[in-house]
C-alpha atoms as a PDB file:
ATOM      1  CA  MET A   1       1.502  -3.963  23.945  1.00  0.00           C
ATOM      2  CA  LEU A   2      -2.245  -4.023  23.262  1.00  0.00           C
ATOM      3  CA  GLU A   3      -2.902  -2.927  26.822  1.00  0.00           C
ATOM      4  CA  ARG A   4      -0.568   0.016  26.276  1.00  0.00           C
ATOM      5  CA  PHE A   5      -2.316   0.768  22.969  1.00  0.00           C
ATOM      6  CA  ALA A   6      -5.684   0.890  24.739  1.00  0.00           C
ATOM      7  CA  GLN A   7      -4.312   3.083  27.536  1.00  0.00           C
ATOM      8  CA  GLU A   8      -2.853   5.611  25.085  1.00  0.00           C
ATOM      9  CA  ASP A   9      -6.366   5.998  23.624  1.00  0.00           C
ATOM     10  CA  ARG A  10      -5.196   7.810  20.461  1.00  0.00           C
ATOM     11  CA  ILE A  11      -7.327   5.833  17.985  1.00  0.00           C
ATOM     12  CA  ARG A  12     -11.089   6.019  17.565  1.00  0.00           C
ATOM     13  CA  ILE A  13     -12.981   3.919  15.051  1.00  0.00           C
ATOM     14  CA  GLY A  14     -16.671   4.618  14.844  1.00  0.00           C
ATOM     15  CA  SER A  15     -18.896   1.844  13.476  1.00  0.00           C
ATOM     16  CA  PRO A  16     -16.159  -0.832  13.505  1.00  0.00           C
ATOM     17  CA  GLN A  17     -18.292  -3.224  11.414  1.00  0.00           C
ATOM     18  CA  LYS A  18     -18.179  -0.638   8.631  1.00  0.00           C
ATOM     19  CA  ASN A  19     -14.756   0.969   9.191  1.00  0.00           C
ATOM     20  CA  LEU A  20     -12.444  -1.997   9.800  1.00  0.00           C
ATOM     21  CA  GLN A  21     -11.189  -4.120   6.880  1.00  0.00           C
ATOM     22  CA  VAL A  22     -12.873  -1.779   4.415  1.00  0.00           C
ATOM     23  CA  LYS A  23     -13.167  -3.157   0.891  1.00  0.00           C
ATOM     24  CA  LEU A  24     -13.090  -0.494  -1.801  1.00  0.00           C
ATOM     25  CA  LEU A  25     -13.755  -0.998  -5.515  1.00  0.00           C
ATOM     26  CA  ARG A  26     -12.883   1.532  -8.180  1.00  0.00           C
ATOM     27  CA  LYS A  27     -14.070   1.258 -11.772  1.00  0.00           C
ATOM     28  CA  LEU A  28     -11.398   1.643 -14.405  1.00  0.00           C
ATOM     29  CA  PRO A  29     -11.676   2.078 -18.164  1.00  0.00           C
ATOM     30  CA  GLY A  30     -12.563  -1.057 -20.114  1.00  0.00           C
ATOM     31  CA  GLU A  31     -14.837  -2.562 -17.469  1.00  0.00           C
ATOM     32  CA  HIS A  32     -11.896  -3.282 -15.153  1.00  0.00           C
ATOM     33  CA  GLN A  33     -11.927  -2.761 -11.402  1.00  0.00           C
ATOM     34  CA  PHE A  34      -9.263  -2.004  -8.839  1.00  0.00           C
ATOM     35  CA  VAL A  35      -9.762  -3.517  -5.382  1.00  0.00           C
ATOM     36  CA  ALA A  36      -8.179  -2.333  -2.138  1.00  0.00           C
ATOM     37  CA  TYR A  37      -8.646  -3.395   1.464  1.00  0.00           C
ATOM     38  CA  LEU A  38      -7.985  -0.676   4.031  1.00  0.00           C
ATOM     39  CA  ASP A  39      -7.206  -1.756   7.581  1.00  0.00           C
ATOM     40  CA  ALA A  40      -9.332   1.017   9.065  1.00  0.00           C
ATOM     41  CA  ILE A  41     -10.884   4.429   8.643  1.00  0.00           C
ATOM     42  CA  GLY A  42     -10.970   6.309  11.910  1.00  0.00           C
ATOM     43  CA  ALA A  43      -9.475   9.127  13.928  1.00  0.00           C
ATOM     44  CA  VAL A  44      -5.867   9.378  15.079  1.00  0.00           C
ATOM     45  CA  ASP A  45      -5.397  12.079  17.706  1.00  0.00           C
ATOM     46  CA  GLY A  46      -8.824  13.448  16.780  1.00  0.00           C
ATOM     47  CA  GLN A  47      -8.281  13.734  13.010  1.00  0.00           C
ATOM     48  CA  ARG A  48     -10.019  11.491  10.467  1.00  0.00           C
ATOM     49  CA  ARG A  49      -7.493   9.304   8.665  1.00  0.00           C
ATOM     50  CA  ILE A  50      -6.956   6.071   6.833  1.00  0.00           C
ATOM     51  CA  ILE A  51      -5.187   3.792   9.316  1.00  0.00           C
ATOM     52  CA  ASP A  52      -2.810   1.018   8.343  1.00  0.00           C
ATOM     53  CA  TRP A  53      -1.611  -1.316  11.103  1.00  0.00           C
ATOM     54  CA  LYS A  54       1.956  -2.620  10.955  1.00  0.00           C
ATOM     55  CA  THR A  55       4.036  -4.913  13.163  1.00  0.00           C
ATOM     56  CA  THR A  56       7.803  -4.982  13.041  1.00  0.00           C
ATOM     57  CA  THR A  57      10.896  -5.634  15.110  1.00  0.00           C
ATOM     58  CA  SER A  58      12.434  -2.210  14.495  1.00  0.00           C
ATOM     59  CA  CYS A  59      11.068   1.325  14.379  1.00  0.00           C
ATOM     60  CA  TYR A  60      10.053   2.959  11.132  1.00  0.00           C
ATOM     61  CA  VAL A  61      12.160   5.958  10.159  1.00  0.00           C
ATOM     62  CA  GLU A  62      10.453   9.289  10.687  1.00  0.00           C
ATOM     63  CA  ALA A  63      12.825  11.550   8.784  1.00  0.00           C
ATOM     64  CA  PRO A  64      13.064  13.315   6.483  1.00  0.00           C
ATOM     65  CA  ASP A  65       9.741  15.094   6.813  1.00  0.00           C
ATOM     66  CA  GLY A  66       7.303  14.034   4.127  1.00  0.00           C
ATOM     67  CA  LEU A  67       8.837  10.584   3.635  1.00  0.00           C
ATOM     68  CA  LEU A  68       5.660   8.759   4.657  1.00  0.00           C
ATOM     69  CA  SER A  69       3.627  10.727   2.115  1.00  0.00           C
ATOM     70  CA  LEU A  70       5.608   8.924  -0.621  1.00  0.00           C
ATOM     71  CA  ASP A  71       4.586   5.425   0.522  1.00  0.00           C
ATOM     72  CA  PRO A  72       2.882   3.724  -2.471  1.00  0.00           C
ATOM     73  CA  GLN A  73       0.464   1.745  -0.302  1.00  0.00           C
ATOM     74  CA  LEU A  74      -0.752   4.864   1.512  1.00  0.00           C
ATOM     75  CA  ILE A  75      -0.982   6.779  -1.772  1.00  0.00           C
ATOM     76  CA  CYS A  76      -3.077   3.928  -3.175  1.00  0.00           C
ATOM     77  CA  TYR A  77      -5.412   3.969  -0.174  1.00  0.00           C
ATOM     78  CA  SER A  78      -5.807   7.733  -0.436  1.00  0.00           C
ATOM     79  CA  TRP A  79      -6.554   7.483  -4.167  1.00  0.00           C
ATOM     80  CA  MET A  80      -9.113   4.746  -3.557  1.00  0.00           C
ATOM     81  CA  SER A  81     -10.885   6.457  -0.655  1.00  0.00           C
ATOM     82  CA  GLY A  82     -10.503  10.140  -1.465  1.00  0.00           C
ATOM     83  CA  ILE A  83      -9.127  10.670   2.062  1.00  0.00           C
ATOM     84  CA  SER A  84      -5.844  12.567   1.995  1.00  0.00           C
ATOM     85  CA  GLU A  85      -4.924  12.123   5.665  1.00  0.00           C
ATOM     86  CA  VAL A  86      -3.266   8.773   6.424  1.00  0.00           C
ATOM     87  CA  ALA A  87      -1.494   7.108   9.335  1.00  0.00           C
ATOM     88  CA  LEU A  88       0.615   4.089  10.093  1.00  0.00           C
ATOM     89  CA  VAL A  89       0.175   2.650  13.556  1.00  0.00           C
ATOM     90  CA  VAL A  90       3.295   0.580  14.051  1.00  0.00           C
ATOM     91  CA  PHE A  91       3.581  -2.005  16.808  1.00  0.00           C
ATOM     92  CA  VAL A  92       7.315  -2.401  17.373  1.00  0.00           C
ATOM     93  CA  ARG A  93       8.113  -5.758  18.988  1.00  0.00           C
ATOM     94  CA  LYS A  94      11.464  -5.426  20.679  1.00  0.00           C
ATOM     95  CA  ARG A  95      12.905  -5.710  24.179  1.00  0.00           C
ATOM     96  CA  SER A  96      11.177  -2.465  25.097  1.00  0.00           C
ATOM     97  CA  PRO A  97       8.030  -2.497  22.897  1.00  0.00           C
ATOM     98  CA  GLU A  98       6.695   0.747  21.533  1.00  0.00           C
ATOM     99  CA  ILE A  99       3.907   2.030  19.333  1.00  0.00           C
ATOM    100  CA  GLN A 100       4.554   4.575  16.616  1.00  0.00           C
ATOM    101  CA  TYR A 101       1.815   6.827  15.289  1.00  0.00           C
ATOM    102  CA  LEU A 102       3.123   8.103  11.971  1.00  0.00           C
ATOM    103  CA  LYS A 103       0.917  10.579  10.136  1.00  0.00           C
ATOM    104  CA  ALA A 104       1.055  12.039   6.657  1.00  0.00           C
ATOM    105  CA  SER A 105      -0.962  13.903   4.083  1.00  0.00           C
ATOM    106  CA  ILE A 106      -1.153  12.593   0.531  1.00  0.00           C
ATOM    107  CA  SER A 107      -1.186  15.371  -2.049  1.00  0.00           C
ATOM    108  CA  ALA A 108      -3.798  15.470  -4.782  1.00  0.00           C
ATOM    109  CA  GLU A 109      -0.955  15.327  -7.319  1.00  0.00           C
ATOM    110  CA  HIS A 110       0.443  12.071  -5.869  1.00  0.00           C
ATOM    111  CA  SER A 111      -3.017  10.559  -5.735  1.00  0.00           C
ATOM    112  CA  GLN A 112      -3.814  11.504  -9.338  1.00  0.00           C
ATOM    113  CA  GLU A 113      -0.443  10.225 -10.547  1.00  0.00           C
ATOM    114  CA  PHE A 114      -1.118   6.897  -8.833  1.00  0.00           C
ATOM    115  CA  GLY A 115      -4.449   6.684 -10.660  1.00  0.00           C
ATOM    116  CA  ARG A 116      -2.728   7.308 -13.994  1.00  0.00           C
ATOM    117  CA  VAL A 117      -0.140   4.607 -13.258  1.00  0.00           C
ATOM    118  CA  VAL A 118      -2.906   2.119 -12.418  1.00  0.00           C
ATOM    119  CA  GLU A 119      -4.854   2.929 -15.583  1.00  0.00           C
ATOM    120  CA  ASN A 120      -1.732   2.695 -17.763  1.00  0.00           C
ATOM    121  CA  THR A 121      -0.713  -0.603 -16.171  1.00  0.00           C
ATOM    122  CA  VAL A 122      -4.173  -2.120 -16.645  1.00  0.00           C
ATOM    123  CA  ALA A 123      -4.223  -0.952 -20.292  1.00  0.00           C
ATOM    124  CA  GLN A 124      -0.812  -2.530 -20.914  1.00  0.00           C
ATOM    125  CA  ILE A 125      -1.857  -5.822 -19.330  1.00  0.00           C
ATOM    126  CA  ALA A 126      -5.127  -5.845 -21.297  1.00  0.00           C
ATOM    127  CA  SER A 127      -3.210  -5.267 -24.537  1.00  0.00           C
ATOM    128  CA  GLY A 128      -0.707  -8.023 -23.759  1.00  0.00           C
ATOM    129  CA  HIS A 129       2.205  -5.606 -23.472  1.00  0.00           C
ATOM    130  CA  PHE A 130       4.593  -6.397 -20.647  1.00  0.00           C
ATOM    131  CA  ALA A 131       7.582  -4.235 -19.846  1.00  0.00           C
ATOM    132  CA  SER A 132      11.031  -5.791 -19.876  1.00  0.00           C
ATOM    133  CA  HIS A 133      11.992  -7.448 -16.620  1.00  0.00           C
ATOM    134  CA  SER A 134      15.414  -8.553 -15.550  1.00  0.00           C
ATOM    135  CA  GLY A 135      14.118 -11.686 -13.846  1.00  0.00           C
ATOM    136  CA  ILE A 136      16.360 -14.489 -12.624  1.00  0.00           C
ATOM    137  CA  ARG A 137      18.543 -16.628 -14.864  1.00  0.00           C
ATOM    138  CA  PHE A 138      18.039 -20.259 -13.968  1.00  0.00           C
ATOM    139  CA  PRO A 139      20.571 -22.875 -15.158  1.00  0.00           C
ATOM    140  CA  GLN A 140      17.996 -24.590 -17.418  1.00  0.00           C
ATOM    141  CA  ASN A 141      16.957 -21.312 -19.069  1.00  0.00           C
ATOM    142  CA  GLY A 142      18.677 -20.893 -22.419  1.00  0.00           C
ATOM    143  CA  CYS A 143      17.324 -17.387 -23.044  1.00  0.00           C
ATOM    144  CA  ILE A 144      20.489 -15.439 -22.317  1.00  0.00           C
ATOM    145  CA  ASN A 145      19.673 -12.134 -24.015  1.00  0.00           C
ATOM    146  CA  CYS A 146      15.883 -11.975 -23.662  1.00  0.00           C
ATOM    147  CA  PRO A 147      14.608  -8.729 -22.043  1.00  0.00           C
ATOM    148  CA  HIS A 148      11.658 -10.665 -20.625  1.00  0.00           C
ATOM    149  CA  LEU A 149      13.782 -13.158 -18.735  1.00  0.00           C
ATOM    150  CA  GLY A 150      11.759 -14.572 -15.854  1.00  0.00           C
ATOM    151  CA  LEU A 151       8.390 -13.704 -17.448  1.00  0.00           C
ATOM    152  CA  CYS A 152       8.428 -15.856 -20.556  1.00  0.00           C
ATOM    153  CA  LEU A 153       5.202 -17.851 -20.850  1.00  0.00           C
ATOM    154  CA  LYS A 154       6.738 -20.250 -23.384  1.00  0.00           C
ATOM    155  CA  ASN A 155       9.244 -21.508 -20.838  1.00  0.00           C
ATOM    156  CA  ARG A 156       7.212 -24.145 -19.019  1.00  0.00           C
ATOM    157  CA  SER A 157      10.231 -25.777 -17.306  1.00  0.00           C
ATOM    158  CA  TRP A 158       9.691 -23.811 -14.117  1.00  0.00           C
END
């Protein structure tokens, strides 16, 4: 599959030491930071994009149009880097292996909304406010009606 990938020659990554496994830090309010690791920044079919490598045993769906632009991980990477063009390069391991090159554009609105969600989440964590979570009811857990089931810090039995 890697030989096929090299033969297709659709990916270019200049300065691999700098553009592979790229660590990005973003300052948030309250002296907090958000950290992301991008697989690569390079060109797919001649266009600069964030590249995320994936391996799977079945193909990713390509329809409906625009579906990939809703992927939270790609939205996060776009928000962190300021690069709106993204791509998944998917190595599909099956009887007849294939490589998918899935491209999308992340809108400024999606990127900004992601930033707001991150900031709100960090503020809630910093204030000690945790949203209700359904969790899992274990036999030894006597908290039947608690909205924080599965998150309770007072339950040390698990």
